[in-house]
């Protein structure tokens, strides 16, 4: 039975990046870039105006004084500037328009007076004022995005400016999800005595989408060896198979046995954590297999701490484990003798520091503590009682954890 950190190391060692593919730019948001990209040309491609105003030679503008400069033309954005700026003249120019040859500054409209086809500067410009210089943003051949970058709105904007209609990205992992148990009902089925609704399947679909992967929720697997074998065999066609329940030591806990019959090599079974101890990890050709506990709290926490990092690694993330937050405990916490505790906590800010307090009852049957929790604090084993104020690591459970002053 590996320790918590060792188990995660083992999982990541067996989660190599998936192959790459070309994705259309408008479908690439959230994907991870598979190779470095270089600028095919200078950006901007020419000197251009950063303001609506007048293209001028700064020295001439100052020398003209109250006499002003004659207005020799108009340059809107989208028109090439071919003619050189004639001496002692100015050209009306719009934001983004190429600077005419010979001009070295832009005099904004608000700093100028125009009358009788002449412009007088109320504030003298300096050479370079309000000019976007060719190559000022990026130069030809410069690496502008590196492999592993998550493509968000800013990255898509940059790629569009370089006319990249397709980009190389890591393939999204395909995840098959199987909930097991005779007591389970599909959401929407009529309730029956002794039965409960399967919350693990929908929850893990949502968690898989949140990790950037593609989920397939298979039908509920009953505690029948043949039916279970059929569903698990189907799930082994995915990149990752995630099962819940059936991996403990009960009479009907058949998942480990059936996976073994299907050729899955069990890498470990049980991890020294609470909740989530009966988590198992195995390998089949082309497929990672995670067998998570059936308890909904344990299933979600072990997905977040074991499956999600594997998916992130497979899809090209350079930081598969994600970032931890160093938090102060807001209360005394008793540790377990033989295992790490995954404590659901709320985060608050006191004197500029994040403070973690219990999100509510920590019993594994209480789902609402996951709804109200901001993070899971990692409480080390065999430390007696850890006093309030002790700093521990916590993994955020949300993309928008509380921030100071909010």
Protein backbone atom coordinates (compact mmCIF):
# COMPACT_ATOMS: atom_id res chain seq x y z
CA UNK A 1 0.00 0.00 0.00
CA UNK A 2 1.79 3.16 -1.17
CA UNK A 3 1.67 6.47 0.66
CA UNK A 4 -0.30 9.38 -0.74
CA UNK A 5 2.58 11.13 -2.51
CA UNK A 6 4.12 7.86 -3.67
CA UNK A 7 0.81 6.74 -5.18
CA UNK A 8 0.54 9.97 -7.15
CA UNK A 9 4.13 9.62 -8.35
CA UNK A 10 3.38 6.09 -9.56
CA UNK A 11 0.28 7.24 -11.42
CA UNK A 12 2.13 10.05 -13.21
CA UNK A 13 4.97 7.71 -14.19
CA UNK A 14 2.41 5.65 -16.12
CA UNK A 15 0.60 8.59 -17.75
CA UNK A 16 2.63 9.64 -20.80
CA UNK A 17 1.35 12.44 -23.04
CA UNK A 18 -1.10 11.41 -25.73
CA UNK A 19 -0.44 11.89 -29.44
CA UNK A 20 -0.98 15.31 -30.95
CA UNK A 21 -3.43 16.53 -33.56
CA UNK A 22 -4.38 19.67 -35.45
CA UNK A 23 -7.33 21.60 -34.05
CA UNK A 24 -9.23 24.42 -35.71
CA UNK A 25 -8.41 27.70 -34.02
CA UNK A 26 -12.02 28.36 -33.00
CA UNK A 27 -12.16 24.92 -31.36
CA UNK A 28 -8.77 25.12 -29.64
CA UNK A 29 -9.75 27.04 -26.51
CA UNK A 30 -8.76 25.09 -23.40
CA UNK A 31 -6.47 22.77 -25.36
CA UNK A 32 -2.73 22.52 -24.76
CA UNK A 33 -0.27 23.52 -27.44
CA UNK A 34 1.82 20.55 -28.58
CA UNK A 35 4.85 22.39 -29.96
CA UNK A 36 6.58 25.75 -29.82
CA UNK A 37 5.19 28.32 -32.24
CA UNK A 38 7.28 31.07 -33.83
CA UNK A 39 6.23 34.35 -35.37
CA UNK A 40 6.18 34.09 -39.19
CA UNK A 41 6.58 37.85 -39.51
CA UNK A 42 7.17 40.98 -37.45
CA UNK A 43 4.27 42.23 -35.35
CA UNK A 44 3.28 44.90 -36.05
CA UNK A 45 4.27 44.31 -39.68
CA UNK A 46 4.84 48.04 -40.18
CA UNK A 47 5.12 51.22 -38.15
CA UNK A 48 1.56 52.34 -37.45
CA UNK A 49 -0.40 54.91 -35.52
CA UNK A 50 -1.51 54.22 -31.95
CA UNK A 51 -3.89 57.20 -31.98
CA UNK A 52 -6.28 59.09 -34.20
CA UNK A 53 -4.40 62.25 -35.16
CA UNK A 54 -1.79 63.59 -37.56
CA UNK A 55 1.34 61.88 -38.84
CA UNK A 56 4.17 64.42 -38.61
CA UNK A 57 7.89 64.93 -38.40
CA UNK A 58 8.25 65.94 -34.76
CA UNK A 59 11.02 68.46 -35.44
CA UNK A 60 9.01 70.17 -38.20
CA UNK A 61 5.94 70.31 -35.98
CA UNK A 62 7.91 72.17 -33.32
CA UNK A 63 9.59 74.50 -35.84
CA UNK A 64 6.29 75.44 -37.52
CA UNK A 65 4.92 76.84 -34.28
CA UNK A 66 1.71 78.86 -34.70
CA UNK A 67 2.02 78.76 -38.51
CA UNK A 68 1.23 75.08 -38.40
CA UNK A 69 1.70 72.33 -40.99
CA UNK A 70 -0.31 71.92 -44.15
CA UNK A 71 -2.57 68.88 -44.19
CA UNK A 72 -1.54 66.83 -47.21
CA UNK A 73 -3.85 63.85 -47.04
CA UNK A 74 -5.75 61.23 -45.07
CA UNK A 75 -4.75 57.68 -44.10
CA UNK A 76 -7.45 55.39 -42.67
CA UNK A 77 -6.70 51.98 -41.22
CA UNK A 78 -6.44 49.36 -43.95
CA UNK A 79 -4.83 51.57 -46.59
CA UNK A 80 -1.15 51.23 -47.50
CA UNK A 81 1.08 54.28 -46.98
CA UNK A 82 3.05 54.54 -50.20
CA UNK A 83 3.81 58.24 -50.61
CA UNK A 84 6.49 59.81 -48.42
CA UNK A 85 5.39 62.61 -46.13
CA UNK A 86 6.19 65.84 -47.95
CA UNK A 87 8.30 68.40 -46.03
CA UNK A 88 6.39 70.71 -43.67
CA UNK A 89 3.14 68.78 -44.02
CA UNK A 90 0.99 66.49 -41.91
CA UNK A 91 -1.35 63.64 -42.82
CA UNK A 92 -4.56 62.93 -40.97
CA UNK A 93 -4.22 59.34 -39.75
CA UNK A 94 -6.47 56.84 -37.96
CA UNK A 95 -5.49 54.33 -35.28
CA UNK A 96 -3.80 51.31 -36.86
CA UNK A 97 -3.03 52.98 -40.17
CA UNK A 98 0.54 52.56 -41.49
CA UNK A 99 2.76 55.54 -40.76
CA UNK A 100 3.74 57.28 -44.03
CA UNK A 101 7.48 57.13 -44.84
CA UNK A 102 9.25 60.12 -43.37
CA UNK A 103 6.86 60.59 -40.43
CA UNK A 104 8.23 59.83 -36.98
CA UNK A 105 5.40 60.80 -34.61
CA UNK A 106 1.62 61.10 -34.30
CA UNK A 107 0.05 64.28 -32.97
CA UNK A 108 -3.29 63.26 -31.37
CA UNK A 109 -6.40 65.20 -32.37
CA UNK A 110 -6.90 66.29 -28.77
CA UNK A 111 -3.45 67.96 -28.76
CA UNK A 112 -3.99 69.89 -31.98
CA UNK A 113 -6.06 72.64 -33.58
CA UNK A 114 -7.03 72.34 -37.25
CA UNK A 115 -8.12 75.31 -39.35
CA UNK A 116 -7.80 76.34 -42.97
CA UNK A 117 -6.28 72.96 -43.91
CA UNK A 118 -3.48 73.48 -41.42
CA UNK A 119 -2.79 71.88 -38.05
CA UNK A 120 -1.15 73.61 -35.08
CA UNK A 121 0.20 71.60 -32.17
CA UNK A 122 -1.04 72.66 -28.75
CA UNK A 123 1.40 70.13 -27.27
CA UNK A 124 4.59 69.51 -29.19
CA UNK A 125 5.21 65.81 -29.99
CA UNK A 126 8.52 64.01 -29.64
CA UNK A 127 9.89 61.53 -32.17
CA UNK A 128 8.26 58.15 -31.51
CA UNK A 129 5.16 59.52 -29.80
CA UNK A 130 2.10 57.31 -30.40
CA UNK A 131 3.88 55.12 -32.93
CA UNK A 132 3.72 51.33 -32.80
CA UNK A 133 7.08 50.30 -34.18
CA UNK A 134 7.42 47.39 -36.58
CA UNK A 135 8.42 44.27 -34.63
CA UNK A 136 7.77 45.99 -31.32
CA UNK A 137 5.51 43.15 -30.15
CA UNK A 138 7.30 40.20 -31.75
CA UNK A 139 9.93 39.64 -34.41
CA UNK A 140 10.12 37.12 -37.22
CA UNK A 141 11.26 33.72 -35.90
CA UNK A 142 10.74 34.61 -32.23
CA UNK A 143 9.08 31.91 -30.10
CA UNK A 144 5.75 33.39 -29.08
CA UNK A 145 4.04 30.35 -27.50
CA UNK A 146 5.71 27.30 -25.99
CA UNK A 147 4.56 23.69 -25.93
CA UNK A 148 2.28 23.01 -22.99
CA UNK A 149 0.66 26.45 -23.03
CA UNK A 150 -3.07 26.37 -22.31
CA UNK A 151 -4.85 28.16 -25.14
CA UNK A 152 -7.10 30.82 -23.67
CA UNK A 153 -8.61 33.98 -25.17
CA UNK A 154 -5.28 35.87 -25.23
CA UNK A 155 -3.46 32.98 -26.94
CA UNK A 156 -6.26 32.55 -29.48
CA UNK A 157 -6.08 36.29 -30.22
CA UNK A 158 -2.34 36.07 -30.79
CA UNK A 159 -2.71 33.03 -33.07
CA UNK A 160 -5.44 34.75 -35.05
CA UNK A 161 -3.17 37.76 -35.55
CA UNK A 162 -0.63 35.36 -37.07
CA UNK A 163 -3.32 33.80 -39.30
CA UNK A 164 -3.07 30.36 -37.70
CA UNK A 165 -6.37 28.71 -38.61
CA UNK A 166 -5.17 25.35 -37.24
CA UNK A 167 -2.83 24.69 -34.33
CA UNK A 168 -1.05 21.56 -33.05
CA UNK A 169 -2.53 20.43 -29.73
CA UNK A 170 -2.47 17.39 -27.48
CA UNK A 171 -5.40 15.06 -28.01
CA UNK A 172 -8.11 15.14 -25.37
CA UNK A 173 -8.13 12.01 -23.23
CA UNK A 174 -11.20 9.78 -23.64
CA UNK A 175 -12.52 8.66 -20.25
CA UNK A 176 -15.03 5.85 -19.71
CA UNK A 177 -16.91 5.98 -16.40
CA UNK A 178 -18.68 3.01 -14.81
CA UNK A 179 -20.64 3.11 -11.54
CA UNK A 180 -21.24 -0.31 -10.01
CA UNK A 181 -23.81 -1.64 -7.56
CA UNK A 182 -27.19 -3.38 -7.44
CA UNK A 183 -28.55 -0.55 -5.28
CA UNK A 184 -28.08 2.17 -7.91
CA UNK A 185 -30.72 3.90 -9.97
CA UNK A 186 -30.10 6.14 -12.95
CA UNK A 187 -31.09 9.77 -12.44
CA UNK A 188 -34.74 10.14 -13.43
CA UNK A 189 -35.76 6.55 -12.68
CA UNK A 190 -38.64 6.04 -10.23
CA UNK A 191 -37.39 5.70 -6.65
CA UNK A 192 -37.68 2.27 -5.05
CA UNK A 193 -37.17 1.00 -1.49
CA UNK A 194 -33.53 0.35 -0.65
CA UNK A 195 -32.30 2.01 -3.85
CA UNK A 196 -30.28 5.21 -4.28
CA UNK A 197 -29.54 7.39 -7.26
CA UNK A 198 -26.13 7.15 -8.89
CA UNK A 199 -24.45 10.48 -8.16
CA UNK A 200 -20.92 9.25 -8.86
CA UNK A 201 -21.40 8.83 -12.59
CA UNK A 202 -22.71 12.35 -13.29
CA UNK A 203 -20.21 13.86 -10.83
CA UNK A 204 -17.25 12.18 -12.52
CA UNK A 205 -18.53 13.24 -15.94
CA UNK A 206 -18.48 16.84 -14.68
CA UNK A 207 -15.02 16.38 -13.14
CA UNK A 208 -13.72 14.89 -16.38
CA UNK A 209 -15.03 17.83 -18.39
CA UNK A 210 -13.46 20.17 -15.83
CA UNK A 211 -10.11 18.47 -16.42
CA UNK A 212 -10.42 19.09 -20.16
CA UNK A 213 -11.06 15.46 -21.14
CA UNK A 214 -13.94 13.74 -22.97
CA UNK A 215 -16.19 11.56 -20.77
CA UNK A 216 -18.45 8.67 -21.69
CA UNK A 217 -20.83 7.51 -18.98
CA UNK A 218 -21.53 3.82 -19.44
CA UNK A 219 -24.62 2.11 -18.01
CA UNK A 220 -24.66 1.18 -14.34
CA UNK A 221 -22.88 -2.15 -13.79
CA UNK A 222 -24.79 -4.57 -11.58
CA UNK A 223 -23.07 -6.92 -9.13
CA UNK A 224 -23.08 -9.70 -11.69
CA UNK A 225 -19.79 -11.02 -13.02
CA UNK A 226 -20.85 -11.41 -16.65
CA UNK A 227 -22.61 -8.06 -16.91
CA UNK A 228 -19.72 -6.35 -15.16
CA UNK A 229 -17.19 -7.99 -17.48
CA UNK A 230 -19.07 -6.76 -20.55
CA UNK A 231 -19.15 -3.15 -19.36
CA UNK A 232 -15.55 -3.07 -18.15
CA UNK A 233 -14.35 -4.60 -21.40
CA UNK A 234 -16.16 -1.80 -23.22
CA UNK A 235 -14.55 0.80 -20.94
CA UNK A 236 -11.07 -0.56 -21.69
CA UNK A 237 -11.33 0.89 -25.21
CA UNK A 238 -10.93 4.37 -23.71
CA UNK A 239 -7.66 6.05 -22.72
CA UNK A 240 -8.77 5.98 -19.09
CA UNK A 241 -11.33 3.77 -17.37
CA UNK A 242 -12.74 5.00 -14.06
CA UNK A 243 -14.91 2.73 -11.94
CA UNK A 244 -16.56 3.45 -8.62
CA UNK A 245 -17.33 0.92 -5.87
CA UNK A 246 -16.67 -2.79 -5.93
CA UNK A 247 -13.01 -2.60 -4.89
CA UNK A 248 -13.28 -3.24 -1.15
CA UNK A 249 -13.55 -6.67 0.50
CA UNK A 250 -17.30 -7.32 0.44
CA UNK A 251 -18.91 -10.42 -1.04
CA UNK A 252 -20.04 -8.47 -4.08
CA UNK A 253 -16.92 -6.38 -4.58
CA UNK A 254 -16.08 -7.95 -7.94
CA UNK A 255 -14.40 -5.12 -9.85
CA UNK A 256 -10.78 -6.07 -9.03
CA UNK A 257 -11.35 -9.70 -9.90
CA UNK A 258 -13.06 -8.97 -13.21
CA UNK A 259 -10.42 -6.41 -14.20
CA UNK A 260 -7.75 -9.02 -13.50
CA UNK A 261 -9.62 -11.52 -15.70
CA UNK A 262 -9.65 -8.89 -18.46
CA UNK A 263 -5.86 -8.60 -18.32
CA UNK A 264 -5.53 -5.45 -16.25
CA UNK A 265 -2.28 -5.38 -14.29
CA UNK A 266 -2.92 -4.03 -10.80
CA UNK A 267 -0.20 -1.55 -9.87
CA UNK A 268 -1.50 -0.78 -6.39
CA UNK A 269 -4.59 -1.30 -4.27
CA UNK A 270 -5.26 0.94 -1.28
CA UNK A 271 -3.57 4.20 -0.42
CA UNK A 272 -2.89 5.50 3.08
CA UNK A 273 -5.58 8.21 2.91
CA UNK A 274 -8.93 8.86 4.55
CA UNK A 275 -11.36 9.03 2.83
CA UNK A 276 -10.47 6.99 -0.24
CA UNK A 277 -8.30 4.19 1.13
CA UNK A 278 -9.55 1.41 -1.23
CA UNK A 279 -8.44 3.31 -4.35
CA UNK A 280 -6.80 1.05 -6.94
CA UNK A 281 -4.74 1.76 -10.05
CA UNK A 282 -4.01 -0.61 -12.90
CA UNK A 283 -2.75 -0.84 -16.46
CA UNK A 284 -4.12 -2.38 -19.62
CA UNK A 285 -2.66 -1.96 -23.11
CA UNK A 286 -3.35 1.69 -23.98
CA UNK A 287 -5.56 2.30 -20.95
CA UNK A 288 -5.08 3.55 -17.39
CA UNK A 289 -7.56 2.04 -14.96
CA UNK A 290 -8.66 3.79 -11.77
CA UNK A 291 -10.98 1.97 -9.38
CA UNK A 292 -12.32 4.51 -6.94
CA UNK A 293 -14.40 4.01 -3.79
CA UNK A 294 -18.17 4.03 -4.10
CA UNK A 295 -18.69 6.69 -1.45
CA UNK A 296 -19.48 9.89 -3.39
CA UNK A 297 -17.18 12.10 -1.31
CA UNK A 298 -14.29 9.65 -1.59
CA UNK A 299 -14.93 9.13 -5.30
CA UNK A 300 -14.71 12.85 -6.08
CA UNK A 301 -11.71 13.51 -3.85
CA UNK A 302 -9.70 10.59 -5.24
CA UNK A 303 -10.60 11.66 -8.78
CA UNK A 304 -9.30 15.16 -8.05
CA UNK A 305 -6.08 13.93 -6.46
CA UNK A 306 -5.23 10.92 -8.67
CA UNK A 307 -7.22 10.83 -11.91
CA UNK A 308 -7.18 14.55 -12.70
CA UNK A 309 -3.35 14.81 -12.49
CA UNK A 310 -3.03 11.80 -14.80
CA UNK A 311 -5.40 13.40 -17.33
CA UNK A 312 -3.53 16.69 -17.15
CA UNK A 313 -0.23 14.90 -17.76
CA UNK A 314 -1.67 12.93 -20.70
CA UNK A 315 -2.98 16.12 -22.29
CA UNK A 316 0.34 17.95 -22.07
CA UNK A 317 0.18 19.88 -18.79
CA UNK A 318 3.58 20.84 -17.44
CA UNK A 319 2.11 21.07 -13.93
CA UNK A 320 -0.10 17.96 -13.73
CA UNK A 321 -0.55 18.10 -9.96
CA UNK A 322 -1.68 21.72 -10.02
CA UNK A 323 -0.76 24.30 -7.44
CA UNK A 324 -1.14 23.95 -3.72
CA UNK A 325 -1.96 26.75 -1.32
CA UNK A 326 -0.15 27.00 2.00
CA UNK A 327 -2.91 27.57 4.55
CA UNK A 328 -3.07 28.05 8.28
CA UNK A 329 -5.38 25.74 10.15
CA UNK A 330 -8.14 27.74 11.79
CA UNK A 331 -8.74 25.11 14.47
CA UNK A 332 -7.02 22.20 16.21
CA UNK A 333 -7.08 19.05 14.06
CA UNK A 334 -6.61 15.51 15.33
CA UNK A 335 -4.57 13.33 12.95
CA UNK A 336 -5.04 9.66 12.20
CA UNK A 337 -2.37 7.21 13.28
CA UNK A 338 -2.02 5.31 10.02
CA UNK A 339 -3.10 7.54 7.15
CA UNK A 340 -3.24 11.02 5.67
CA UNK A 341 -6.55 12.85 6.15
CA UNK A 342 -8.15 14.69 3.24
CA UNK A 343 -9.99 17.43 5.09
CA UNK A 344 -12.65 19.46 3.29
CA UNK A 345 -12.12 23.09 4.25
CA UNK A 346 -13.43 26.58 3.71
CA UNK A 347 -10.85 29.29 3.08
CA UNK A 348 -10.95 32.70 4.67
CA UNK A 349 -8.41 35.51 4.90
CA UNK A 350 -7.08 36.86 8.16
CA UNK A 351 -4.32 39.45 8.26
CA UNK A 352 -3.53 38.68 4.62
CA UNK A 353 -3.12 34.92 5.13
CA UNK A 354 -5.42 32.09 3.96
CA UNK A 355 -6.97 30.26 6.89
CA UNK A 356 -8.60 26.84 6.51
CA UNK A 357 -11.53 25.78 8.64
CA UNK A 358 -13.65 22.65 8.41
CA UNK A 359 -16.35 22.88 5.75
CA UNK A 360 -18.67 20.90 8.00
CA UNK A 361 -19.09 17.31 9.07
CA UNK A 362 -16.22 15.27 7.64
CA UNK A 363 -18.11 11.97 7.53
CA UNK A 364 -17.80 10.56 4.03
CA UNK A 365 -21.55 10.33 3.52
CA UNK A 366 -22.09 14.09 3.64
CA UNK A 367 -21.93 15.56 0.14
CA UNK A 368 -22.82 19.11 1.16
CA UNK A 369 -19.36 19.61 2.64
CA UNK A 370 -17.97 19.23 -0.89
CA UNK A 371 -20.41 21.85 -2.12
CA UNK A 372 -19.35 24.32 0.56
CA UNK A 373 -15.63 23.42 0.57
CA UNK A 374 -13.08 25.59 -1.23
CA UNK A 375 -10.16 23.17 -0.90
CA UNK A 376 -8.97 19.87 0.51
CA UNK A 377 -6.28 20.24 3.17
CA UNK A 378 -3.69 17.48 3.40
CA UNK A 379 -3.40 16.55 7.08
CA UNK A 380 -0.31 14.38 7.73
CA UNK A 381 -0.65 11.12 9.66
CA UNK A 382 0.53 10.31 13.17
CA UNK A 383 1.06 13.85 14.42
CA UNK A 384 -1.30 13.74 17.38
CA UNK A 385 -3.31 16.94 17.49
CA UNK A 386 -2.10 19.69 15.15
CA UNK A 387 -2.74 23.08 16.76
CA UNK A 388 -4.55 25.94 15.07
CA UNK A 389 -2.13 28.15 13.16
CA UNK A 390 -0.09 25.25 11.77
CA UNK A 391 0.59 25.62 8.05
CA UNK A 392 -0.40 22.73 5.77
CA UNK A 393 -0.85 22.30 2.01
CA UNK A 394 -4.28 22.49 0.44
CA UNK A 395 -5.50 21.76 -3.08
CA UNK A 396 -8.18 24.15 -4.35
CA UNK A 397 -11.39 22.43 -5.41
CA UNK A 398 -12.63 25.43 -7.36
CA UNK A 399 -11.30 27.71 -10.08
CA UNK A 400 -12.35 30.76 -8.06
CA UNK A 401 -11.18 30.25 -4.47
CA UNK A 402 -11.76 33.14 -2.05
CA UNK A 403 -9.27 35.95 -2.39
CA UNK A 404 -8.09 38.48 0.13
CA UNK A 405 -10.55 41.26 0.72
CA UNK A 406 -13.41 39.69 -1.22
